[in-house]
Each structure stands twice: as C-alpha cells, then as structure tokens.
Amino acid sequence: MSDGVAAPRARPRVLLTNDDGWDADGLAAVAEVISGFAELLVVAPRRQQSAVGHAITLHDHVEVEEAQMPFAAQGWIVDGTPADCVKIGIRALYADDPPALVVSGMNNGPNVGVNVLYSGTVGAALESTINGVQAVAVSKEFGENLTYRAAAALLRPILERLMSRPLPEWHILNVNFPDVRPDAIAGTKLTRHGVSGFDERYA
C-alpha cells in the first residue's frame, strides 16, 4: 500500500546534449557510456551548431521532435541551439523530474582559453547551471590517437564521481582530452582557465 511518497529513482537521470548535432560520433560515444550508470535522456540539436556560444532562440519557434537513439531512454531532436536544448529539457520536457546532471559533448575539437566564449558545447553547460542543474562540457582535441569511445570511457569515472559529489552551485566542469593514446593518459588534472585563442586572419 502506497503512503503517497514516490519511491527513490533506481538510477539517476542524465541529460545529454552537444553542439555538433544529433548524428555526431562524439554524442553517440558518450551516450553509450552514460547508459551504463544512469537513465539517459538525449536532447540535441538537429544540425551542427558549433561556435553559437550561449545563444538562445527568442524571435522564432523552436521545433522539438521525439526520436530514438541507441542506449537512450528518450531522445529529442531540437531545431535550435545547444542552450535551447538544455533549457527545453530542464524547463519543459523534464520539468517534473529534472536530471541530476547535464553532459554537453563530446565536442570535436578542444574548448580551451577564450574559445569557451564561442563554444556551443560550453554554452549548453552554462545554461544548465543557470537552471539549477550541474553540468559538464566535454571536448576532444582533433586527431585520431584517442577515439571518441576511448575518451568517453575515460570520462565515465568523472561523471560517476559527480553523481555522489556534485559541483558547487554556479560552477561547471569543462573537460578536454588531448589527442594521445589512452595508455599515455595518466589521470586528470584540475587547471586554471587560460586565455589562449586562435590567431584568426581575414583576406
């Protein structure tokens, strides 16, 4: 007989998004890893959205379409930005039972230095913390020495730790994997945010 109190969730909910689009290999790799320890909800943009930063849609409709993704309990394709995806996920799709964590990525290319200001991957994570859910932005340096699947496997213990030891309020974690063989990675290191960036030139 129920006493009216909901039973605790057997597995935590994790919402996954990205800025490389629904079909990105990095998204699929992280989805597989998250499904091993959490109920996976994928809310990702339909198309490539790199370098849109923290943009949200204000002057147009945002269409949302339910879709299937391997390893996900539910999936939604959004015709909008990464920040739109997170806002819609937390405030609309799962407002009654929000995720315990939002993961954004895995991005194709690093998000370090001043480039985090342009990054849709980081923008999605920031939108999550604004809405009260801890978040991780994840990126992998260009190259083929470290595959998305190998990087995602290295990411798993970081995510699992956050489930038991959440980030401080108004903080996100920005994780970047170098393009080296997995056996060359000795561990993780917490660093300061640098100020480097690309030297862009125009003809």
N, C-alpha and C. Protein backbone atom coordinates (compact mmCIF):
# COMPACT_ATOMS: atom_id res chain seq x y z
N MET A 1 0.85 -1.19 0.00
CA MET A 1 0.00 0.00 0.00
C MET A 1 0.88 1.24 0.00
N SER A 2 0.59 2.18 -0.89
CA SER A 2 1.42 3.37 -1.02
C SER A 2 1.06 4.39 0.04
N ASP A 3 2.07 5.08 0.58
CA ASP A 3 1.83 6.15 1.55
C ASP A 3 1.85 7.52 0.88
N GLY A 4 1.86 7.52 -0.49
CA GLY A 4 1.84 8.78 -1.22
C GLY A 4 3.21 9.36 -1.49
N VAL A 5 4.26 8.71 -0.99
CA VAL A 5 5.62 9.19 -1.21
C VAL A 5 6.24 8.41 -2.37
N ALA A 6 6.75 9.12 -3.35
CA ALA A 6 7.34 8.47 -4.51
C ALA A 6 8.58 7.69 -4.11
N ALA A 7 8.73 6.52 -4.68
CA ALA A 7 9.92 5.71 -4.40
C ALA A 7 11.15 6.38 -5.01
N PRO A 8 12.30 6.23 -4.37
CA PRO A 8 13.50 6.83 -4.93
C PRO A 8 13.83 6.22 -6.29
N ARG A 9 14.37 7.06 -7.18
CA ARG A 9 14.71 6.59 -8.52
C ARG A 9 15.85 5.57 -8.45
N ALA A 10 15.68 4.45 -9.16
CA ALA A 10 16.69 3.40 -9.13
C ALA A 10 18.01 3.88 -9.74
N ARG A 11 17.91 4.63 -10.83
CA ARG A 11 19.11 5.17 -11.47
C ARG A 11 18.91 6.66 -11.70
N PRO A 12 19.95 7.45 -11.51
CA PRO A 12 19.81 8.90 -11.72
C PRO A 12 19.57 9.22 -13.19
N ARG A 13 18.97 10.36 -13.44
CA ARG A 13 18.74 10.82 -14.80
C ARG A 13 19.88 11.74 -15.23
N VAL A 14 20.39 11.51 -16.44
CA VAL A 14 21.41 12.38 -17.02
C VAL A 14 20.92 12.83 -18.39
N LEU A 15 20.95 14.12 -18.62
CA LEU A 15 20.57 14.69 -19.91
C LEU A 15 21.83 14.97 -20.73
N LEU A 16 21.83 14.49 -21.95
CA LEU A 16 22.99 14.64 -22.85
C LEU A 16 22.62 15.53 -24.02
N THR A 17 23.50 16.49 -24.33
CA THR A 17 23.33 17.34 -25.50
C THR A 17 24.69 17.56 -26.14
N ASN A 18 24.74 18.38 -27.18
CA ASN A 18 26.02 18.72 -27.81
C ASN A 18 25.83 19.92 -28.72
N ASP A 19 26.91 20.31 -29.43
CA ASP A 19 26.76 21.35 -30.45
C ASP A 19 27.14 20.85 -31.84
N ASP A 20 27.56 19.59 -31.96
CA ASP A 20 27.93 19.03 -33.26
C ASP A 20 26.74 18.39 -33.97
N GLY A 21 25.59 18.34 -33.30
CA GLY A 21 24.39 17.82 -33.94
C GLY A 21 24.06 16.39 -33.55
N TRP A 22 22.81 16.02 -33.83
CA TRP A 22 22.25 14.74 -33.43
C TRP A 22 23.06 13.55 -33.92
N ASP A 23 23.61 13.61 -35.11
CA ASP A 23 24.30 12.47 -35.72
C ASP A 23 25.79 12.40 -35.40
N ALA A 24 26.28 13.24 -34.52
CA ALA A 24 27.72 13.31 -34.24
C ALA A 24 28.22 12.06 -33.53
N ASP A 25 29.41 11.59 -33.93
CA ASP A 25 30.01 10.41 -33.31
C ASP A 25 30.31 10.62 -31.83
N GLY A 26 30.71 11.84 -31.48
CA GLY A 26 31.02 12.11 -30.08
C GLY A 26 29.81 11.98 -29.17
N LEU A 27 28.65 12.38 -29.67
CA LEU A 27 27.41 12.25 -28.89
C LEU A 27 27.09 10.78 -28.67
N ALA A 28 27.21 9.98 -29.71
CA ALA A 28 26.91 8.56 -29.60
C ALA A 28 27.82 7.85 -28.61
N ALA A 29 29.11 8.21 -28.62
CA ALA A 29 30.06 7.56 -27.72
C ALA A 29 29.74 7.87 -26.26
N VAL A 30 29.42 9.11 -25.97
CA VAL A 30 29.10 9.48 -24.59
C VAL A 30 27.76 8.87 -24.17
N ALA A 31 26.82 8.78 -25.10
CA ALA A 31 25.53 8.17 -24.79
C ALA A 31 25.70 6.74 -24.30
N GLU A 32 26.54 5.98 -24.98
CA GLU A 32 26.76 4.59 -24.58
C GLU A 32 27.32 4.50 -23.17
N VAL A 33 28.27 5.35 -22.84
CA VAL A 33 28.89 5.32 -21.52
C VAL A 33 27.91 5.72 -20.42
N ILE A 34 27.15 6.79 -20.65
CA ILE A 34 26.20 7.25 -19.63
C ILE A 34 25.15 6.20 -19.35
N SER A 35 24.71 5.49 -20.39
CA SER A 35 23.65 4.49 -20.21
C SER A 35 24.09 3.36 -19.27
N GLY A 36 25.39 3.23 -19.05
CA GLY A 36 25.88 2.19 -18.16
C GLY A 36 25.65 2.47 -16.69
N PHE A 37 25.37 3.73 -16.33
CA PHE A 37 25.17 4.03 -14.91
C PHE A 37 23.99 4.96 -14.64
N ALA A 38 23.29 5.40 -15.68
CA ALA A 38 22.19 6.34 -15.48
C ALA A 38 21.10 6.14 -16.52
N GLU A 39 19.94 6.70 -16.25
CA GLU A 39 18.89 6.78 -17.24
C GLU A 39 19.23 7.92 -18.18
N LEU A 40 19.42 7.62 -19.43
CA LEU A 40 19.91 8.60 -20.40
C LEU A 40 18.77 9.28 -21.14
N LEU A 41 18.80 10.61 -21.14
CA LEU A 41 17.86 11.43 -21.89
C LEU A 41 18.68 12.28 -22.85
N VAL A 42 18.42 12.19 -24.14
CA VAL A 42 19.19 12.94 -25.14
C VAL A 42 18.30 14.03 -25.72
N VAL A 43 18.76 15.27 -25.60
CA VAL A 43 18.08 16.42 -26.19
C VAL A 43 19.14 17.21 -26.94
N ALA A 44 19.21 17.03 -28.25
CA ALA A 44 20.34 17.56 -29.02
C ALA A 44 19.86 18.30 -30.26
N PRO A 45 20.67 19.23 -30.76
CA PRO A 45 20.28 19.98 -31.95
C PRO A 45 20.29 19.13 -33.20
N ARG A 46 19.39 19.47 -34.11
CA ARG A 46 19.30 18.72 -35.36
C ARG A 46 20.57 18.85 -36.20
N ARG A 47 21.14 20.05 -36.21
CA ARG A 47 22.26 20.35 -37.10
C ARG A 47 23.47 20.84 -36.32
N GLN A 48 24.58 20.93 -37.03
CA GLN A 48 25.82 21.47 -36.48
C GLN A 48 25.58 22.88 -35.92
N GLN A 49 26.02 23.10 -34.68
CA GLN A 49 25.80 24.38 -34.00
C GLN A 49 27.08 24.90 -33.36
N SER A 50 28.23 24.55 -33.91
CA SER A 50 29.49 25.00 -33.32
C SER A 50 29.60 26.52 -33.36
N ALA A 51 30.21 27.07 -32.33
CA ALA A 51 30.52 28.50 -32.22
C ALA A 51 29.29 29.38 -32.09
N VAL A 52 28.15 28.81 -31.65
CA VAL A 52 26.99 29.66 -31.40
C VAL A 52 26.99 30.19 -29.98
N GLY A 53 27.99 29.78 -29.18
CA GLY A 53 28.09 30.27 -27.81
C GLY A 53 26.88 29.91 -26.98
N HIS A 54 26.40 30.89 -26.22
CA HIS A 54 25.27 30.68 -25.30
C HIS A 54 23.97 31.22 -25.90
N ALA A 55 23.89 31.27 -27.22
CA ALA A 55 22.71 31.83 -27.88
C ALA A 55 21.46 31.01 -27.58
N ILE A 56 20.33 31.70 -27.42
CA ILE A 56 19.03 31.06 -27.31
C ILE A 56 18.10 31.69 -28.34
N THR A 57 17.06 30.96 -28.71
CA THR A 57 16.13 31.43 -29.72
C THR A 57 15.04 32.28 -29.07
N LEU A 58 14.93 33.53 -29.51
CA LEU A 58 13.94 34.45 -28.95
C LEU A 58 12.87 34.87 -29.94
N HIS A 59 13.20 34.93 -31.23
CA HIS A 59 12.31 35.54 -32.21
C HIS A 59 11.79 34.54 -33.24
N ASP A 60 11.77 33.27 -32.89
CA ASP A 60 11.28 32.24 -33.80
C ASP A 60 10.76 31.06 -32.99
N HIS A 61 10.04 30.18 -33.64
CA HIS A 61 9.59 28.95 -32.99
C HIS A 61 10.76 27.97 -32.90
N VAL A 62 10.75 27.14 -31.87
CA VAL A 62 11.72 26.06 -31.73
C VAL A 62 10.95 24.74 -31.81
N GLU A 63 11.20 23.98 -32.86
CA GLU A 63 10.50 22.71 -33.04
C GLU A 63 11.26 21.58 -32.35
N VAL A 64 10.51 20.69 -31.71
CA VAL A 64 11.08 19.56 -30.97
C VAL A 64 10.43 18.29 -31.50
N GLU A 65 11.26 17.33 -31.86
CA GLU A 65 10.78 16.07 -32.43
C GLU A 65 11.33 14.89 -31.64
N GLU A 66 10.44 14.00 -31.20
CA GLU A 66 10.90 12.81 -30.49
C GLU A 66 11.60 11.87 -31.46
N ALA A 67 12.70 11.29 -31.03
CA ALA A 67 13.49 10.41 -31.89
C ALA A 67 14.15 9.33 -31.04
N GLN A 68 14.51 8.25 -31.69
CA GLN A 68 15.19 7.16 -30.99
C GLN A 68 16.69 7.27 -31.17
N MET A 69 17.41 7.01 -30.09
CA MET A 69 18.86 6.93 -30.14
C MET A 69 19.29 5.71 -29.35
N PRO A 70 20.23 4.93 -29.87
CA PRO A 70 20.71 3.78 -29.12
C PRO A 70 21.15 4.18 -27.70
N PHE A 71 20.79 3.36 -26.74
CA PHE A 71 21.15 3.50 -25.33
C PHE A 71 20.33 4.54 -24.57
N ALA A 72 19.50 5.32 -25.25
CA ALA A 72 18.75 6.38 -24.58
C ALA A 72 17.35 5.91 -24.19
N ALA A 73 16.91 6.31 -23.00
CA ALA A 73 15.54 6.05 -22.59
C ALA A 73 14.57 6.89 -23.41
N GLN A 74 14.96 8.12 -23.71
CA GLN A 74 14.19 9.01 -24.56
C GLN A 74 15.14 9.91 -25.33
N GLY A 75 14.72 10.31 -26.54
CA GLY A 75 15.53 11.21 -27.33
C GLY A 75 14.67 12.27 -28.00
N TRP A 76 15.22 13.47 -28.11
CA TRP A 76 14.50 14.59 -28.71
C TRP A 76 15.47 15.38 -29.60
N ILE A 77 15.05 15.64 -30.84
CA ILE A 77 15.82 16.48 -31.76
C ILE A 77 15.21 17.88 -31.72
N VAL A 78 16.07 18.88 -31.56
CA VAL A 78 15.62 20.26 -31.41
C VAL A 78 16.16 21.10 -32.56
N ASP A 79 15.28 21.85 -33.20
CA ASP A 79 15.70 22.82 -34.22
C ASP A 79 16.07 24.12 -33.52
N GLY A 80 17.19 24.09 -32.83
CA GLY A 80 17.63 25.25 -32.06
C GLY A 80 19.07 25.09 -31.65
N THR A 81 19.49 25.91 -30.73
CA THR A 81 20.87 25.93 -30.27
C THR A 81 21.08 24.93 -29.14
N PRO A 82 22.34 24.65 -28.78
CA PRO A 82 22.58 23.78 -27.63
C PRO A 82 21.95 24.31 -26.34
N ALA A 83 22.02 25.63 -26.12
CA ALA A 83 21.39 26.20 -24.93
C ALA A 83 19.88 26.03 -24.97
N ASP A 84 19.28 26.16 -26.16
CA ASP A 84 17.85 25.88 -26.31
C ASP A 84 17.54 24.46 -25.85
N CYS A 85 18.37 23.51 -26.28
CA CYS A 85 18.15 22.09 -25.94
C CYS A 85 18.10 21.89 -24.43
N VAL A 86 19.05 22.50 -23.74
CA VAL A 86 19.12 22.33 -22.29
C VAL A 86 17.94 23.02 -21.61
N LYS A 87 17.64 24.24 -22.04
CA LYS A 87 16.53 24.97 -21.43
C LYS A 87 15.22 24.22 -21.62
N ILE A 88 14.98 23.71 -22.82
CA ILE A 88 13.76 22.96 -23.10
C ILE A 88 13.73 21.65 -22.31
N GLY A 89 14.89 20.99 -22.22
CA GLY A 89 14.95 19.74 -21.47
C GLY A 89 14.61 19.91 -20.01
N ILE A 90 15.22 20.91 -19.38
CA ILE A 90 15.03 21.11 -17.94
C ILE A 90 13.70 21.76 -17.62
N ARG A 91 13.31 22.75 -18.42
CA ARG A 91 12.13 23.57 -18.11
C ARG A 91 10.82 23.05 -18.70
N ALA A 92 10.91 22.18 -19.71
CA ALA A 92 9.69 21.72 -20.36
C ALA A 92 9.58 20.20 -20.37
N LEU A 93 10.48 19.54 -21.09
CA LEU A 93 10.36 18.09 -21.27
C LEU A 93 10.43 17.33 -19.95
N TYR A 94 11.35 17.76 -19.06
CA TYR A 94 11.56 17.03 -17.81
C TYR A 94 11.42 17.95 -16.60
N ALA A 95 10.53 18.92 -16.72
CA ALA A 95 10.33 19.88 -15.63
C ALA A 95 9.85 19.20 -14.35
N ASP A 96 9.05 18.14 -14.48
CA ASP A 96 8.51 17.46 -13.30
C ASP A 96 9.50 16.49 -12.65
N ASP A 97 10.53 16.13 -13.37
CA ASP A 97 11.53 15.18 -12.85
C ASP A 97 12.87 15.48 -13.53
N PRO A 98 13.50 16.60 -13.16
CA PRO A 98 14.69 17.06 -13.88
C PRO A 98 15.88 16.13 -13.68
N PRO A 99 16.85 16.20 -14.60
CA PRO A 99 18.04 15.35 -14.48
C PRO A 99 18.92 15.80 -13.32
N ALA A 100 19.75 14.88 -12.87
CA ALA A 100 20.72 15.19 -11.82
C ALA A 100 21.99 15.81 -12.40
N LEU A 101 22.18 15.64 -13.71
CA LEU A 101 23.40 16.10 -14.36
C LEU A 101 23.11 16.33 -15.84
N VAL A 102 23.72 17.36 -16.40
CA VAL A 102 23.70 17.59 -17.85
C VAL A 102 25.12 17.44 -18.37
N VAL A 103 25.26 16.66 -19.45
CA VAL A 103 26.55 16.49 -20.11
C VAL A 103 26.44 17.06 -21.52
N SER A 104 27.38 17.91 -21.89
CA SER A 104 27.38 18.53 -23.22
C SER A 104 28.63 18.08 -23.97
N GLY A 105 28.42 17.35 -25.07
CA GLY A 105 29.55 16.87 -25.85
C GLY A 105 29.34 15.41 -26.27
N MET A 106 30.35 14.75 -26.77
CA MET A 106 31.73 15.18 -26.77
C MET A 106 32.03 15.98 -28.03
N ASN A 107 32.58 17.15 -27.85
CA ASN A 107 32.84 18.04 -28.97
C ASN A 107 34.04 17.60 -29.79
N ASN A 108 33.95 17.82 -31.08
CA ASN A 108 35.07 17.55 -31.99
C ASN A 108 35.97 18.77 -32.02
N GLY A 109 37.02 18.75 -31.23
CA GLY A 109 37.94 19.87 -31.11
C GLY A 109 37.93 20.42 -29.70
N PRO A 110 39.05 20.98 -29.24
CA PRO A 110 39.16 21.44 -27.85
C PRO A 110 38.34 22.70 -27.60
N ASN A 111 37.93 22.88 -26.37
CA ASN A 111 37.29 24.12 -25.92
C ASN A 111 38.08 24.64 -24.73
N VAL A 112 39.09 25.43 -25.05
CA VAL A 112 40.01 25.95 -24.03
C VAL A 112 40.23 27.44 -24.27
N GLY A 113 40.79 28.11 -23.27
CA GLY A 113 41.11 29.52 -23.41
C GLY A 113 39.89 30.36 -23.74
N VAL A 114 40.10 31.40 -24.54
CA VAL A 114 38.99 32.31 -24.87
C VAL A 114 37.95 31.63 -25.75
N ASN A 115 38.29 30.50 -26.33
CA ASN A 115 37.34 29.83 -27.21
C ASN A 115 36.11 29.30 -26.48
N VAL A 116 36.16 29.19 -25.15
CA VAL A 116 34.97 28.77 -24.43
C VAL A 116 33.85 29.80 -24.58
N LEU A 117 34.21 31.05 -24.89
CA LEU A 117 33.19 32.09 -25.06
C LEU A 117 32.40 31.89 -26.35
N TYR A 118 33.00 31.23 -27.35
CA TYR A 118 32.33 30.95 -28.61
C TYR A 118 31.59 29.61 -28.58
N SER A 119 31.97 28.75 -27.68
CA SER A 119 31.59 27.34 -27.73
C SER A 119 30.12 27.08 -27.42
N GLY A 120 29.42 26.42 -28.34
CA GLY A 120 28.07 25.95 -28.05
C GLY A 120 28.07 24.85 -27.02
N THR A 121 29.14 24.06 -27.00
CA THR A 121 29.27 22.98 -26.00
C THR A 121 29.29 23.55 -24.59
N VAL A 122 30.13 24.55 -24.38
CA VAL A 122 30.22 25.19 -23.07
C VAL A 122 28.96 26.00 -22.77
N GLY A 123 28.40 26.65 -23.80
CA GLY A 123 27.18 27.42 -23.61
C GLY A 123 26.04 26.57 -23.07
N ALA A 124 25.92 25.34 -23.57
CA ALA A 124 24.87 24.44 -23.08
C ALA A 124 25.08 24.10 -21.61
N ALA A 125 26.33 23.86 -21.22
CA ALA A 125 26.62 23.56 -19.82
C ALA A 125 26.30 24.75 -18.93
N LEU A 126 26.63 25.95 -19.39
CA LEU A 126 26.32 27.15 -18.61
C LEU A 126 24.82 27.33 -18.45
N GLU A 127 24.07 27.05 -19.51
CA GLU A 127 22.61 27.16 -19.43
C GLU A 127 22.06 26.19 -18.39
N SER A 128 22.67 25.04 -18.27
CA SER A 128 22.22 24.07 -17.28
C SER A 128 22.40 24.59 -15.86
N THR A 129 23.57 25.13 -15.58
CA THR A 129 23.81 25.59 -14.20
C THR A 129 22.94 26.79 -13.87
N ILE A 130 22.62 27.63 -14.88
CA ILE A 130 21.68 28.73 -14.66
C ILE A 130 20.33 28.19 -14.21
N ASN A 131 19.97 27.02 -14.73
CA ASN A 131 18.68 26.40 -14.42
C ASN A 131 18.76 25.42 -13.25
N GLY A 132 19.87 25.46 -12.52
CA GLY A 132 19.94 24.72 -11.27
C GLY A 132 20.39 23.28 -11.36
N VAL A 133 20.95 22.88 -12.53
CA VAL A 133 21.42 21.50 -12.70
C VAL A 133 22.91 21.53 -13.01
N GLN A 134 23.70 20.77 -12.26
CA GLN A 134 25.14 20.74 -12.50
C GLN A 134 25.43 20.21 -13.90
N ALA A 135 26.57 20.63 -14.47
CA ALA A 135 26.83 20.28 -15.86
C ALA A 135 28.31 20.12 -16.14
N VAL A 136 28.58 19.32 -17.17
CA VAL A 136 29.94 19.07 -17.65
C VAL A 136 29.97 19.30 -19.16
N ALA A 137 30.93 20.08 -19.62
CA ALA A 137 31.21 20.23 -21.05
C ALA A 137 32.41 19.35 -21.37
N VAL A 138 32.33 18.59 -22.46
CA VAL A 138 33.37 17.62 -22.79
C VAL A 138 33.83 17.80 -24.23
N SER A 139 35.14 17.86 -24.43
CA SER A 139 35.70 18.04 -25.77
C SER A 139 36.93 17.17 -25.95
N LYS A 140 37.20 16.85 -27.22
CA LYS A 140 38.38 16.06 -27.55
C LYS A 140 39.18 16.79 -28.63
N GLU A 141 40.47 16.87 -28.40
CA GLU A 141 41.36 17.51 -29.38
C GLU A 141 41.26 16.79 -30.73
N PHE A 142 41.39 17.55 -31.81
CA PHE A 142 41.39 16.95 -33.14
C PHE A 142 42.48 15.89 -33.25
N GLY A 143 42.19 14.83 -33.98
CA GLY A 143 43.19 13.78 -34.19
C GLY A 143 42.58 12.40 -34.02
N GLU A 144 43.37 11.38 -34.32
CA GLU A 144 42.88 10.01 -34.31
C GLU A 144 43.61 9.12 -33.31
N ASN A 145 44.47 9.67 -32.48
CA ASN A 145 45.16 8.85 -31.48
C ASN A 145 44.21 8.40 -30.36
N LEU A 146 43.26 9.27 -30.03
CA LEU A 146 42.28 8.95 -28.99
C LEU A 146 40.91 8.97 -29.65
N THR A 147 40.24 7.83 -29.69
CA THR A 147 38.91 7.75 -30.30
C THR A 147 37.87 8.33 -29.34
N TYR A 148 36.70 8.62 -29.89
CA TYR A 148 35.61 9.10 -29.04
C TYR A 148 35.24 8.05 -27.99
N ARG A 149 35.21 6.79 -28.37
CA ARG A 149 34.83 5.74 -27.42
C ARG A 149 35.85 5.63 -26.30
N ALA A 150 37.14 5.74 -26.64
CA ALA A 150 38.17 5.66 -25.60
C ALA A 150 38.09 6.87 -24.67
N ALA A 151 37.86 8.04 -25.23
CA ALA A 151 37.73 9.24 -24.40
C ALA A 151 36.49 9.16 -23.52
N ALA A 152 35.40 8.64 -24.06
CA ALA A 152 34.18 8.50 -23.27
C ALA A 152 34.38 7.55 -22.10
N ALA A 153 35.15 6.48 -22.32
CA ALA A 153 35.44 5.55 -21.22
C ALA A 153 36.23 6.25 -20.12
N LEU A 154 37.14 7.15 -20.50
CA LEU A 154 37.90 7.92 -19.51
C LEU A 154 37.02 8.94 -18.80
N LEU A 155 35.97 9.37 -19.47
CA LEU A 155 35.06 10.35 -18.88
C LEU A 155 34.17 9.73 -17.81
N ARG A 156 33.85 8.46 -17.95
CA ARG A 156 32.86 7.83 -17.06
C ARG A 156 33.16 8.03 -15.58
N PRO A 157 34.38 7.75 -15.07
CA PRO A 157 34.58 7.93 -13.62
C PRO A 157 34.41 9.38 -13.16
N ILE A 158 34.68 10.33 -14.05
CA ILE A 158 34.46 11.73 -13.69
C ILE A 158 32.98 11.99 -13.48
N LEU A 159 32.16 11.49 -14.39
CA LEU A 159 30.71 11.68 -14.28
C LEU A 159 30.15 10.96 -13.07
N GLU A 160 30.61 9.73 -12.84
CA GLU A 160 30.10 8.97 -11.69
C GLU A 160 30.45 9.65 -10.37
N ARG A 161 31.62 10.27 -10.33
CA ARG A 161 32.01 10.97 -9.10
C ARG A 161 31.09 12.17 -8.85
N LEU A 162 30.69 12.85 -9.92
CA LEU A 162 29.81 14.00 -9.76
C LEU A 162 28.42 13.59 -9.26
N MET A 163 28.02 12.36 -9.51
CA MET A 163 26.73 11.91 -9.03
C MET A 163 26.71 11.82 -7.50
N SER A 164 27.87 11.54 -6.90
CA SER A 164 27.93 11.43 -5.45
C SER A 164 28.53 12.68 -4.80
N ARG A 165 29.32 13.44 -5.57
CA ARG A 165 29.92 14.68 -5.04
C ARG A 165 29.67 15.79 -6.05
N PRO A 166 28.49 16.40 -6.01
CA PRO A 166 28.12 17.41 -7.01
C PRO A 166 29.03 18.64 -6.97
N LEU A 167 29.06 19.34 -8.09
CA LEU A 167 29.80 20.58 -8.20
C LEU A 167 29.18 21.66 -7.31
N PRO A 168 29.96 22.66 -6.90
CA PRO A 168 29.37 23.79 -6.19
C PRO A 168 28.36 24.52 -7.08
N GLU A 169 27.41 25.19 -6.48
CA GLU A 169 26.42 25.95 -7.23
C GLU A 169 27.11 26.98 -8.12
N TRP A 170 26.56 27.18 -9.32
CA TRP A 170 27.07 28.14 -10.30
C TRP A 170 28.43 27.78 -10.86
N HIS A 171 28.81 26.53 -10.80
CA HIS A 171 30.05 26.04 -11.40
C HIS A 171 29.72 24.99 -12.46
N ILE A 172 30.54 24.96 -13.51
CA ILE A 172 30.51 23.84 -14.45
C ILE A 172 31.91 23.26 -14.53
N LEU A 173 32.00 22.06 -15.07
CA LEU A 173 33.29 21.42 -15.30
C LEU A 173 33.51 21.35 -16.81
N ASN A 174 34.64 21.84 -17.27
CA ASN A 174 34.99 21.83 -18.68
C ASN A 174 36.14 20.85 -18.88
N VAL A 175 35.84 19.69 -19.47
CA VAL A 175 36.82 18.61 -19.62
C VAL A 175 37.32 18.56 -21.06
N ASN A 176 38.64 18.54 -21.22
CA ASN A 176 39.25 18.45 -22.55
C ASN A 176 40.25 17.29 -22.57
N PHE A 177 40.10 16.42 -23.57
CA PHE A 177 41.01 15.29 -23.73
C PHE A 177 42.02 15.59 -24.82
N PRO A 178 43.31 15.36 -24.56
CA PRO A 178 44.33 15.56 -25.59
C PRO A 178 44.30 14.41 -26.59
N ASP A 179 44.83 14.64 -27.77
CA ASP A 179 44.88 13.58 -28.78
C ASP A 179 46.14 12.74 -28.59
N VAL A 180 46.09 11.88 -27.60
CA VAL A 180 47.18 10.94 -27.33
C VAL A 180 46.57 9.56 -27.11
N ARG A 181 47.39 8.53 -27.21
CA ARG A 181 46.90 7.18 -26.97
C ARG A 181 46.39 7.05 -25.53
N PRO A 182 45.34 6.24 -25.32
CA PRO A 182 44.79 6.10 -23.97
C PRO A 182 45.82 5.71 -22.92
N ASP A 183 46.78 4.88 -23.28
CA ASP A 183 47.77 4.45 -22.29
C ASP A 183 48.76 5.56 -21.94
N ALA A 184 48.71 6.68 -22.66
CA ALA A 184 49.58 7.81 -22.35
C ALA A 184 48.91 8.80 -21.39
N ILE A 185 47.64 8.56 -21.07
CA ILE A 185 46.92 9.44 -20.15
C ILE A 185 47.03 8.86 -18.74
N ALA A 186 47.72 9.59 -17.87
CA ALA A 186 47.98 9.10 -16.52
C ALA A 186 46.85 9.41 -15.55
N GLY A 187 46.01 10.37 -15.89
CA GLY A 187 44.93 10.74 -14.99
C GLY A 187 44.37 12.08 -15.40
N THR A 188 43.65 12.71 -14.49
CA THR A 188 43.06 14.01 -14.76
C THR A 188 43.70 15.06 -13.87
N LYS A 189 43.64 16.32 -14.33
CA LYS A 189 44.23 17.41 -13.56
C LYS A 189 43.32 18.62 -13.65
N LEU A 190 43.03 19.21 -12.51
CA LEU A 190 42.24 20.43 -12.46
C LEU A 190 43.16 21.61 -12.71
N THR A 191 42.83 22.42 -13.71
CA THR A 191 43.71 23.52 -14.10
C THR A 191 42.96 24.84 -14.06
N ARG A 192 43.70 25.92 -14.23
CA ARG A 192 43.11 27.25 -14.34
C ARG A 192 42.69 27.50 -15.78
N HIS A 193 41.70 28.34 -15.94
CA HIS A 193 41.23 28.71 -17.27
C HIS A 193 42.25 29.63 -17.92
N GLY A 194 42.78 29.21 -19.07
CA GLY A 194 43.77 30.02 -19.77
C GLY A 194 43.12 31.10 -20.63
N VAL A 195 43.96 31.87 -21.32
CA VAL A 195 43.47 32.98 -22.15
C VAL A 195 43.93 32.84 -23.59
N SER A 196 44.42 31.67 -23.97
CA SER A 196 44.89 31.47 -25.33
C SER A 196 43.71 31.41 -26.29
N GLY A 197 44.00 31.58 -27.59
CA GLY A 197 42.95 31.50 -28.61
C GLY A 197 43.56 31.33 -29.97
N PHE A 198 42.72 31.20 -30.98
CA PHE A 198 43.19 31.05 -32.35
C PHE A 198 43.64 32.42 -32.89
N ASP A 199 44.66 32.40 -33.72
CA ASP A 199 45.10 33.60 -34.42
C ASP A 199 44.38 33.65 -35.77
N GLU A 200 43.25 34.30 -35.79
CA GLU A 200 42.42 34.32 -36.99
C GLU A 200 42.78 35.50 -37.87
N ARG A 201 42.83 35.24 -39.17
CA ARG A 201 43.19 36.28 -40.13
C ARG A 201 42.15 36.33 -41.24
N TYR A 202 41.98 37.50 -41.80
CA TYR A 202 41.00 37.70 -42.86
C TYR A 202 41.68 38.32 -44.08
N ALA A 203 41.35 37.80 -45.26
CA ALA A 203 41.94 38.28 -46.50
C ALA A 203 41.38 39.65 -46.86
